[in-house]
PDB file of N, CA and C in Angstrom:
ATOM      1  N   MET A   1     -22.468  33.109  -9.172  1.00  0.00           N
ATOM      2  CA  MET A   1     -23.864  32.711  -9.253  1.00  0.00           C
ATOM      3  C   MET A   1     -24.110  31.855 -10.489  1.00  0.00           C
ATOM      4  N   LYS A   2     -23.442  32.223 -11.597  1.00  0.00           N
ATOM      5  CA  LYS A   2     -23.615  31.485 -12.847  1.00  0.00           C
ATOM      6  C   LYS A   2     -23.114  30.050 -12.686  1.00  0.00           C
ATOM      7  N   GLY A   3     -22.006  29.879 -11.943  1.00  0.00           N
ATOM      8  CA  GLY A   3     -21.450  28.545 -11.709  1.00  0.00           C
ATOM      9  C   GLY A   3     -22.393  27.663 -10.914  1.00  0.00           C
ATOM     10  N   LYS A   4     -23.055  28.246  -9.934  1.00  0.00           N
ATOM     11  CA  LYS A   4     -23.994  27.480  -9.113  1.00  0.00           C
ATOM     12  C   LYS A   4     -25.183  27.012  -9.944  1.00  0.00           C
ATOM     13  N   ILE A   5     -25.656  27.902 -10.814  1.00  0.00           N
ATOM     14  CA  ILE A   5     -26.792  27.543 -11.674  1.00  0.00           C
ATOM     15  C   ILE A   5     -26.397  26.405 -12.604  1.00  0.00           C
ATOM     16  N   LEU A   6     -25.190  26.489 -13.188  1.00  0.00           N
ATOM     17  CA  LEU A   6     -24.723  25.421 -14.083  1.00  0.00           C
ATOM     18  C   LEU A   6     -24.569  24.103 -13.327  1.00  0.00           C
ATOM     19  N   LEU A   7     -24.113  24.170 -12.100  1.00  0.00           N
ATOM     20  CA  LEU A   7     -23.970  22.959 -11.298  1.00  0.00           C
ATOM     21  C   LEU A   7     -25.329  22.311 -11.047  1.00  0.00           C
ATOM     22  N   VAL A   8     -26.311  23.111 -10.658  1.00  0.00           N
ATOM     23  CA  VAL A   8     -27.650  22.582 -10.392  1.00  0.00           C
ATOM     24  C   VAL A   8     -28.258  21.994 -11.662  1.00  0.00           C
ATOM     25  N   VAL A   9     -28.080  22.688 -12.789  1.00  0.00           N
ATOM     26  CA  VAL A   9     -28.602  22.177 -14.068  1.00  0.00           C
ATOM     27  C   VAL A   9     -27.908  20.869 -14.430  1.00  0.00           C
ATOM     28  N   GLY A  10     -26.590  20.810 -14.237  1.00  0.00           N
ATOM     29  CA  GLY A  10     -25.839  19.591 -14.545  1.00  0.00           C
ATOM     30  C   GLY A  10     -26.271  18.414 -13.698  1.00  0.00           C
ATOM     31  N   VAL A  11     -26.472  18.654 -12.418  1.00  0.00           N
ATOM     32  CA  VAL A  11     -26.937  17.590 -11.530  1.00  0.00           C
ATOM     33  C   VAL A  11     -28.329  17.137 -11.950  1.00  0.00           C
ATOM     34  N   GLY A  12     -29.181  18.082 -12.294  1.00  0.00           N
ATOM     35  CA  GLY A  12     -30.538  17.740 -12.733  1.00  0.00           C
ATOM     36  C   GLY A  12     -30.531  16.909 -14.003  1.00  0.00           C
ATOM     37  N   VAL A  13     -29.739  17.314 -14.988  1.00  0.00           N
ATOM     38  CA  VAL A  13     -29.653  16.561 -16.252  1.00  0.00           C
ATOM     39  C   VAL A  13     -29.102  15.164 -15.994  1.00  0.00           C
ATOM     40  N   GLY A  14     -28.071  15.070 -15.163  1.00  0.00           N
ATOM     41  CA  GLY A  14     -27.508  13.755 -14.839  1.00  0.00           C
ATOM     42  C   GLY A  14     -28.511  12.856 -14.159  1.00  0.00           C
ATOM     43  N   TYR A  15     -29.299  13.435 -13.268  1.00  0.00           N
ATOM     44  CA  TYR A  15     -30.307  12.653 -12.569  1.00  0.00           C
ATOM     45  C   TYR A  15     -31.365  12.125 -13.538  1.00  0.00           C
ATOM     46  N   VAL A  16     -31.845  13.014 -14.420  1.00  0.00           N
ATOM     47  CA  VAL A  16     -32.889  12.619 -15.376  1.00  0.00           C
ATOM     48  C   VAL A  16     -32.372  11.535 -16.308  1.00  0.00           C
ATOM     49  N   LEU A  17     -31.161  11.731 -16.857  1.00  0.00           N
ATOM     50  CA  LEU A  17     -30.608  10.727 -17.773  1.00  0.00           C
ATOM     51  C   LEU A  17     -30.357   9.409 -17.048  1.00  0.00           C
ATOM     52  N   GLY A  18     -29.870   9.490 -15.822  1.00  0.00           N
ATOM     53  CA  GLY A  18     -29.631   8.279 -15.045  1.00  0.00           C
ATOM     54  C   GLY A  18     -30.923   7.552 -14.725  1.00  0.00           C
ATOM     55  N   ALA A  19     -31.951   8.289 -14.421  1.00  0.00           N
ATOM     56  CA  ALA A  19     -33.245   7.678 -14.105  1.00  0.00           C
ATOM     57  C   ALA A  19     -33.848   7.010 -15.333  1.00  0.00           C
ATOM     58  N   LYS A  20     -33.653   7.636 -16.512  1.00  0.00           N
ATOM     59  CA  LYS A  20     -34.190   7.043 -17.746  1.00  0.00           C
ATOM     60  C   LYS A  20     -33.430   5.771 -18.089  1.00  0.00           C
ATOM     61  N   ALA A  21     -32.110   5.779 -17.856  1.00  0.00           N
ATOM     62  CA  ALA A  21     -31.316   4.595 -18.185  1.00  0.00           C
ATOM     63  C   ALA A  21     -31.695   3.455 -17.249  1.00  0.00           C
ATOM     64  N   GLY A  22     -31.840   3.768 -15.990  1.00  0.00           N
ATOM     65  CA  GLY A  22     -32.322   2.799 -15.012  1.00  0.00           C
ATOM     66  C   GLY A  22     -31.388   1.648 -14.723  1.00  0.00           C
ATOM     67  N   ARG A  23     -31.958   0.660 -14.089  1.00  0.00           N
ATOM     68  CA  ARG A  23     -31.202  -0.507 -13.620  1.00  0.00           C
ATOM     69  C   ARG A  23     -30.635  -1.314 -14.774  1.00  0.00           C
ATOM     70  N   GLU A  24     -31.356  -1.370 -15.865  1.00  0.00           N
ATOM     71  CA  GLU A  24     -30.906  -2.162 -17.011  1.00  0.00           C
ATOM     72  C   GLU A  24     -29.568  -1.651 -17.551  1.00  0.00           C
ATOM     73  N   ARG A  25     -29.445  -0.345 -17.676  1.00  0.00           N
ATOM     74  CA  ARG A  25     -28.194   0.239 -18.174  1.00  0.00           C
ATOM     75  C   ARG A  25     -27.070   0.020 -17.159  1.00  0.00           C
ATOM     76  N   TYR A  26     -27.384   0.133 -15.884  1.00  0.00           N
ATOM     77  CA  TYR A  26     -26.394  -0.102 -14.845  1.00  0.00           C
ATOM     78  C   TYR A  26     -25.846  -1.527 -14.948  1.00  0.00           C
ATOM     79  N   GLU A  27     -26.740  -2.487 -15.097  1.00  0.00           N
ATOM     80  CA  GLU A  27     -26.314  -3.884 -15.219  1.00  0.00           C
ATOM     81  C   GLU A  27     -25.474  -4.094 -16.468  1.00  0.00           C
ATOM     82  N   SER A  28     -25.836  -3.420 -17.562  1.00  0.00           N
ATOM     83  CA  SER A  28     -25.071  -3.522 -18.801  1.00  0.00           C
ATOM     84  C   SER A  28     -23.645  -2.988 -18.612  1.00  0.00           C
ATOM     85  N   ILE A  29     -23.539  -1.838 -17.979  1.00  0.00           N
ATOM     86  CA  ILE A  29     -22.217  -1.249 -17.721  1.00  0.00           C
ATOM     87  C   ILE A  29     -21.412  -2.152 -16.792  1.00  0.00           C
ATOM     88  N   LYS A  30     -22.060  -2.699 -15.791  1.00  0.00           N
ATOM     89  CA  LYS A  30     -21.379  -3.580 -14.849  1.00  0.00           C
ATOM     90  C   LYS A  30     -20.860  -4.829 -15.546  1.00  0.00           C
ATOM     91  N   ARG A  31     -21.664  -5.420 -16.437  1.00  0.00           N
ATOM     92  CA  ARG A  31     -21.219  -6.603 -17.181  1.00  0.00           C
ATOM     93  C   ARG A  31     -20.006  -6.284 -18.039  1.00  0.00           C
ATOM     94  N   LEU A  32     -20.042  -5.129 -18.707  1.00  0.00           N
ATOM     95  CA  LEU A  32     -18.910  -4.751 -19.556  1.00  0.00           C
ATOM     96  C   LEU A  32     -17.635  -4.534 -18.744  1.00  0.00           C
ATOM     97  N   THR A  33     -17.749  -3.881 -17.607  1.00  0.00           N
ATOM     98  CA  THR A  33     -16.554  -3.641 -16.799  1.00  0.00           C
ATOM     99  C   THR A  33     -16.020  -4.944 -16.199  1.00  0.00           C
ATOM    100  N   ASP A  34     -16.925  -5.849 -15.795  1.00  0.00           N
ATOM    101  CA  ASP A  34     -16.474  -7.147 -15.284  1.00  0.00           C
ATOM    102  C   ASP A  34     -15.774  -7.949 -16.377  1.00  0.00           C
ATOM    103  N   LYS A  35     -16.333  -7.922 -17.576  1.00  0.00           N
ATOM    104  CA  LYS A  35     -15.724  -8.634 -18.699  1.00  0.00           C
ATOM    105  C   LYS A  35     -14.333  -8.067 -18.992  1.00  0.00           C
ATOM    106  N   PHE A  36     -14.216  -6.758 -18.959  1.00  0.00           N
ATOM    107  CA  PHE A  36     -12.930  -6.107 -19.195  1.00  0.00           C
ATOM    108  C   PHE A  36     -11.936  -6.481 -18.108  1.00  0.00           C
ATOM    109  N   TRP A  37     -12.350  -6.371 -16.845  1.00  0.00           N
ATOM    110  CA  TRP A  37     -11.446  -6.631 -15.720  1.00  0.00           C
ATOM    111  C   TRP A  37     -10.938  -8.068 -15.720  1.00  0.00           C
ATOM    112  N   HIS A  38     -11.778  -9.011 -16.077  1.00  0.00           N
ATOM    113  CA  HIS A  38     -11.406 -10.421 -16.033  1.00  0.00           C
ATOM    114  C   HIS A  38     -10.798 -10.924 -17.334  1.00  0.00           C
ATOM    115  N   SER A  39     -10.562 -10.038 -18.294  1.00  0.00           N
ATOM    116  CA  SER A  39      -9.928 -10.478 -19.535  1.00  0.00           C
ATOM    117  C   SER A  39      -8.481 -10.879 -19.270  1.00  0.00           C
ATOM    118  N   LYS A  40      -7.953 -11.758 -20.118  1.00  0.00           N
ATOM    119  CA  LYS A  40      -6.601 -12.279 -19.908  1.00  0.00           C
ATOM    120  C   LYS A  40      -5.547 -11.182 -19.947  1.00  0.00           C
ATOM    121  N   SER A  41      -5.686 -10.244 -20.873  1.00  0.00           N
ATOM    122  CA  SER A  41      -4.658  -9.206 -20.998  1.00  0.00           C
ATOM    123  C   SER A  41      -4.623  -8.289 -19.772  1.00  0.00           C
ATOM    124  N   VAL A  42      -5.781  -7.939 -19.239  1.00  0.00           N
ATOM    125  CA  VAL A  42      -5.816  -7.084 -18.053  1.00  0.00           C
ATOM    126  C   VAL A  42      -5.271  -7.846 -16.843  1.00  0.00           C
ATOM    127  N   GLN A  43      -5.676  -9.086 -16.667  1.00  0.00           N
ATOM    128  CA  GLN A  43      -5.207  -9.868 -15.532  1.00  0.00           C
ATOM    129  C   GLN A  43      -3.703 -10.124 -15.603  1.00  0.00           C
ATOM    130  N   LYS A  44      -3.174 -10.254 -16.820  1.00  0.00           N
ATOM    131  CA  LYS A  44      -1.727 -10.415 -16.981  1.00  0.00           C
ATOM    132  C   LYS A  44      -1.009  -9.165 -16.457  1.00  0.00           C
ATOM    133  N   GLN A  45      -1.527  -7.996 -16.793  1.00  0.00           N
ATOM    134  CA  GLN A  45      -0.917  -6.753 -16.314  1.00  0.00           C
ATOM    135  C   GLN A  45      -1.094  -6.589 -14.805  1.00  0.00           C
ATOM    136  N   VAL A  46      -2.216  -7.042 -14.282  1.00  0.00           N
ATOM    137  CA  VAL A  46      -2.442  -6.977 -12.840  1.00  0.00           C
ATOM    138  C   VAL A  46      -1.405  -7.831 -12.119  1.00  0.00           C
ATOM    139  N   HIS A  47      -1.174  -9.038 -12.616  1.00  0.00           N
ATOM    140  CA  HIS A  47      -0.193  -9.922 -11.984  1.00  0.00           C
ATOM    141  C   HIS A  47       1.223  -9.362 -12.118  1.00  0.00           C
ATOM    142  N   THR A  48       1.516  -8.751 -13.259  1.00  0.00           N
ATOM    143  CA  THR A  48       2.825  -8.124 -13.447  1.00  0.00           C
ATOM    144  C   THR A  48       3.019  -7.010 -12.422  1.00  0.00           C
ATOM    145  N   ALA A  49       1.998  -6.200 -12.221  1.00  0.00           N
ATOM    146  CA  ALA A  49       2.079  -5.113 -11.250  1.00  0.00           C
ATOM    147  C   ALA A  49       2.216  -5.668  -9.831  1.00  0.00           C
ATOM    148  N   GLU A  50       1.484  -6.717  -9.506  1.00  0.00           N
ATOM    149  CA  GLU A  50       1.584  -7.330  -8.181  1.00  0.00           C
ATOM    150  C   GLU A  50       2.990  -7.856  -7.930  1.00  0.00           C
ATOM    151  N   ASP A  51       3.565  -8.540  -8.928  1.00  0.00           N
ATOM    152  CA  ASP A  51       4.915  -9.069  -8.780  1.00  0.00           C
ATOM    153  C   ASP A  51       5.924  -7.944  -8.586  1.00  0.00           C
ATOM    154  N   PHE A  52       5.755  -6.865  -9.330  1.00  0.00           N
ATOM    155  CA  PHE A  52       6.654  -5.717  -9.206  1.00  0.00           C
ATOM    156  C   PHE A  52       6.591  -5.137  -7.794  1.00  0.00           C
ATOM    157  N   VAL A  53       5.382  -4.966  -7.292  1.00  0.00           N
ATOM    158  CA  VAL A  53       5.212  -4.397  -5.943  1.00  0.00           C
ATOM    159  C   VAL A  53       5.821  -5.330  -4.902  1.00  0.00           C
ATOM    160  N   LYS A  54       5.619  -6.641  -5.049  1.00  0.00           N
ATOM    161  CA  LYS A  54       6.203  -7.596  -4.097  1.00  0.00           C
ATOM    162  C   LYS A  54       7.721  -7.515  -4.113  1.00  0.00           C
ATOM    163  N   ASP A  55       8.321  -7.469  -5.323  1.00  0.00           N
ATOM    164  CA  ASP A  55       9.777  -7.376  -5.429  1.00  0.00           C
ATOM    165  C   ASP A  55      10.298  -6.096  -4.794  1.00  0.00           C
ATOM    166  N   GLN A  56       9.635  -4.983  -5.060  1.00  0.00           N
ATOM    167  CA  GLN A  56      10.071  -3.711  -4.495  1.00  0.00           C
ATOM    168  C   GLN A  56       9.939  -3.712  -2.978  1.00  0.00           C
ATOM    169  N   THR A  57       8.875  -4.319  -2.490  1.00  0.00           N
ATOM    170  CA  THR A  57       8.670  -4.394  -1.043  1.00  0.00           C
ATOM    171  C   THR A  57       9.771  -5.220  -0.395  1.00  0.00           C
ATOM    172  N   LYS A  58      10.123  -6.350  -1.018  1.00  0.00           N
ATOM    173  CA  LYS A  58      11.197  -7.182  -0.480  1.00  0.00           C
ATOM    174  C   LYS A  58      12.511  -6.416  -0.440  1.00  0.00           C
ATOM    175  N   LYS A  59      12.799  -5.649  -1.506  1.00  0.00           N
ATOM    176  CA  LYS A  59      14.034  -4.870  -1.556  1.00  0.00           C
ATOM    177  C   LYS A  59      14.068  -3.845  -0.438  1.00  0.00           C
ATOM    178  N   VAL A  60      12.973  -3.139  -0.252  1.00  0.00           N
ATOM    179  CA  VAL A  60      12.925  -2.104   0.784  1.00  0.00           C
ATOM    180  C   VAL A  60      13.069  -2.727   2.166  1.00  0.00           C
ATOM    181  N   VAL A  61      12.371  -3.832   2.402  1.00  0.00           N
ATOM    182  CA  VAL A  61      12.442  -4.487   3.706  1.00  0.00           C
ATOM    183  C   VAL A  61      13.857  -4.980   3.970  1.00  0.00           C
ATOM    184  N   SER A  62      14.495  -5.576   2.958  1.00  0.00           N
ATOM    185  CA  SER A  62      15.859  -6.066   3.172  1.00  0.00           C
ATOM    186  C   SER A  62      16.828  -4.918   3.402  1.00  0.00           C
ATOM    187  N   GLN A  63      16.611  -3.781   2.743  1.00  0.00           N
ATOM    188  CA  GLN A  63      17.475  -2.632   2.974  1.00  0.00           C
ATOM    189  C   GLN A  63      17.278  -2.084   4.386  1.00  0.00           C
ATOM    190  N   VAL A  64      16.054  -2.030   4.825  1.00  0.00           N
ATOM    191  CA  VAL A  64      15.770  -1.490   6.156  1.00  0.00           C
ATOM    192  C   VAL A  64      16.306  -2.429   7.233  1.00  0.00           C
ATOM    193  N   THR A  65      16.029  -3.723   7.098  1.00  0.00           N
ATOM    194  CA  THR A  65      16.509  -4.661   8.111  1.00  0.00           C
ATOM    195  C   THR A  65      18.014  -4.814   8.036  1.00  0.00           C
ATOM    196  N   GLY A  66      18.588  -4.738   6.849  1.00  0.00           N
ATOM    197  CA  GLY A  66      20.039  -4.808   6.711  1.00  0.00           C
ATOM    198  C   GLY A  66      20.710  -3.599   7.320  1.00  0.00           C
ATOM    199  N   ALA A  67      20.097  -2.446   7.197  1.00  0.00           N
ATOM    200  CA  ALA A  67      20.667  -1.217   7.752  1.00  0.00           C
ATOM    201  C   ALA A  67      20.601  -1.241   9.269  1.00  0.00           C
ATOM    202  N   SER A  68      19.551  -1.837   9.828  1.00  0.00           N
ATOM    203  CA  SER A  68      19.437  -1.860  11.283  1.00  0.00           C
ATOM    204  C   SER A  68      20.385  -2.878  11.896  1.00  0.00           C
ATOM    205  N   LYS A  69      20.822  -3.884  11.117  1.00  0.00           N
ATOM    206  CA  LYS A  69      21.727  -4.899  11.630  1.00  0.00           C
ATOM    207  C   LYS A  69      23.191  -4.505  11.463  1.00  0.00           C
ATOM    208  N   SER A  70      23.456  -3.473  10.696  1.00  0.00           N
ATOM    209  CA  SER A  70      24.842  -3.075  10.476  1.00  0.00           C
ATOM    210  C   SER A  70      25.432  -2.539  11.774  1.00  0.00           C
ATOM    211  N   PRO A  71      26.734  -2.751  11.964  1.00  0.00           N
ATOM    212  CA  PRO A  71      27.344  -2.282  13.211  1.00  0.00           C
ATOM    213  C   PRO A  71      27.298  -0.769  13.303  1.00  0.00           C
ATOM    214  N   GLN A  72      26.995  -0.290  14.489  1.00  0.00           N
ATOM    215  CA  GLN A  72      26.909   1.145  14.698  1.00  0.00           C
ATOM    216  C   GLN A  72      28.222   1.637  15.257  1.00  0.00           C
ATOM    217  N   ARG A  73      28.566   2.854  14.913  1.00  0.00           N
ATOM    218  CA  ARG A  73      29.791   3.450  15.426  1.00  0.00           C
ATOM    219  C   ARG A  73      29.603   3.775  16.899  1.00  0.00           C
ATOM    220  N   LYS A  74      30.655   3.557  17.637  1.00  0.00           N
ATOM    221  CA  LYS A  74      30.608   3.891  19.056  1.00  0.00           C
ATOM    222  C   LYS A  74      30.975   5.350  19.224  1.00  0.00           C
ATOM    223  N   SER A  75      30.277   6.005  20.101  1.00  0.00           N
ATOM    224  CA  SER A  75      30.617   7.400  20.372  1.00  0.00           C
ATOM    225  C   SER A  75      31.784   7.436  21.352  1.00  0.00           C
ATOM    226  N   SER A  76      32.463   8.526  21.371  1.00  0.00           N
ATOM    227  CA  SER A  76      33.628   8.635  22.242  1.00  0.00           C
ATOM    228  C   SER A  76      33.237   8.744  23.705  1.00  0.00           C
ATOM    229  N   THR A  77      31.989   9.037  24.010  1.00  0.00           N
ATOM    230  CA  THR A  77      31.551   9.177  25.393  1.00  0.00           C
ATOM    231  C   THR A  77      30.989   7.883  25.961  1.00  0.00           C
ATOM    232  N   ALA A  78      30.833   6.864  25.136  1.00  0.00           N
ATOM    233  CA  ALA A  78      30.253   5.606  25.606  1.00  0.00           C
ATOM    234  C   ALA A  78      31.253   4.868  26.485  1.00  0.00           C
ATOM    235  N   ARG A  79      30.742   4.268  27.563  1.00  0.00           N
ATOM    236  CA  ARG A  79      31.599   3.476  28.431  1.00  0.00           C
ATOM    237  C   ARG A  79      31.708   2.071  27.872  1.00  0.00           C
ATOM    238  N   PRO A  80      32.850   1.430  28.044  1.00  0.00           N
ATOM    239  CA  PRO A  80      32.972   0.047  27.565  1.00  0.00           C
ATOM    240  C   PRO A  80      32.089  -0.887  28.385  1.00  0.00           C
ATOM    241  N   ALA A  81      31.627  -1.941  27.749  1.00  0.00           N
ATOM    242  CA  ALA A  81      30.782  -2.922  28.429  1.00  0.00           C
ATOM    243  C   ALA A  81      31.629  -3.700  29.429  1.00  0.00           C
ATOM    244  N   PRO A  82      31.049  -4.081  30.561  1.00  0.00           N
ATOM    245  CA  PRO A  82      31.813  -4.859  31.535  1.00  0.00           C
ATOM    246  C   PRO A  82      32.142  -6.231  30.974  1.00  0.00           C
ATOM    247  N   ARG A  83      33.309  -6.763  31.348  1.00  0.00           N
ATOM    248  CA  ARG A  83      33.730  -8.074  30.845  1.00  0.00           C
ATOM    249  C   ARG A  83      32.994  -9.200  31.550  1.00  0.00           C
ATOM    250  N   ASN A  84      32.629  -9.010  32.770  1.00  0.00           N
ATOM    251  CA  ASN A  84      31.958 -10.028  33.558  1.00  0.00           C
ATOM    252  C   ASN A  84      30.466  -9.678  33.625  1.00  0.00           C
ATOM    253  N   PRO A  85      29.581 -10.524  33.041  1.00  0.00           N
ATOM    254  CA  PRO A  85      28.147 -10.196  33.041  1.00  0.00           C
ATOM    255  C   PRO A  85      27.571 -10.038  34.433  1.00  0.00           C
ATOM    256  N   SER A  86      28.090 -10.773  35.428  1.00  0.00           N
ATOM    257  CA  SER A  86      27.535 -10.657  36.781  1.00  0.00           C
ATOM    258  C   SER A  86      27.892  -9.308  37.389  1.00  0.00           C
ATOM    259  N   ALA A  87      28.961  -8.692  36.908  1.00  0.00           N
ATOM    260  CA  ALA A  87      29.344  -7.382  37.416  1.00  0.00           C
ATOM    261  C   ALA A  87      28.352  -6.311  36.969  1.00  0.00           C
ATOM    262  N   ALA A  88      27.636  -6.555  35.897  1.00  0.00           N
ATOM    263  CA  ALA A  88      26.680  -5.583  35.397  1.00  0.00           C
ATOM    264  C   ALA A  88      25.293  -5.800  35.980  1.00  0.00           C
ATOM    265  N   GLY A  89      25.165  -6.765  36.895  1.00  0.00           N
ATOM    266  CA  GLY A  89      23.876  -7.019  37.506  1.00  0.00           C
ATOM    267  C   GLY A  89      23.109  -8.133  36.843  1.00  0.00           C
ATOM    268  N   TYR A  90      23.741  -8.892  35.973  1.00  0.00           N
ATOM    269  CA  TYR A  90      23.076 -10.000  35.306  1.00  0.00           C
ATOM    270  C   TYR A  90      23.335 -11.286  36.090  1.00  0.00           C
ATOM    271  N   ALA A  91      22.354 -12.114  36.152  1.00  0.00           N
ATOM    272  CA  ALA A  91      22.515 -13.417  36.809  1.00  0.00           C
ATOM    273  C   ALA A  91      23.147 -14.369  35.812  1.00  0.00           C
ATOM    274  N   ALA A  92      24.049 -15.187  36.264  1.00  0.00           N
ATOM    275  CA  ALA A  92      24.690 -16.166  35.384  1.00  0.00           C
ATOM    276  C   ALA A  92      23.677 -17.268  35.085  1.00  0.00           C
ATOM    277  N   THR A  93      23.358 -17.437  33.789  1.00  0.00           N
ATOM    278  CA  THR A  93      22.370 -18.437  33.412  1.00  0.00           C
ATOM    279  C   THR A  93      23.023 -19.617  32.721  1.00  0.00           C
ATOM    280  N   GLU A  94      24.260 -19.472  32.301  1.00  0.00           N
ATOM    281  CA  GLU A  94      24.930 -20.571  31.597  1.00  0.00           C
ATOM    282  C   GLU A  94      25.447 -21.589  32.597  1.00  0.00           C
ATOM    283  N   LYS A  95      25.345 -22.849  32.251  1.00  0.00           N
ATOM    284  CA  LYS A  95      25.844 -23.907  33.133  1.00  0.00           C
ATOM    285  C   LYS A  95      26.970 -24.646  32.484  1.00  0.00           C
TER     286      LYS A  95
END
């Protein structure tokens, strides 16, 4: 019960303080965060992180596609492929 009362009081205090600060304070905070986000040092780190993610993605994709292209072992129960494609029901398309 004590926790619920503290939660309600906290929400009430936050609401009152937020209402007093109003739109002007919101705009001030927004300007500061935009200025921070668009600063050269932050954008440099953003680009570094983007490049890192791109490189890692390329590595993973090449590993996955390389693994799928590798020759697979034949099982001992597999039948050999027919030597003549028409014998397997394929129409001869080469001229």
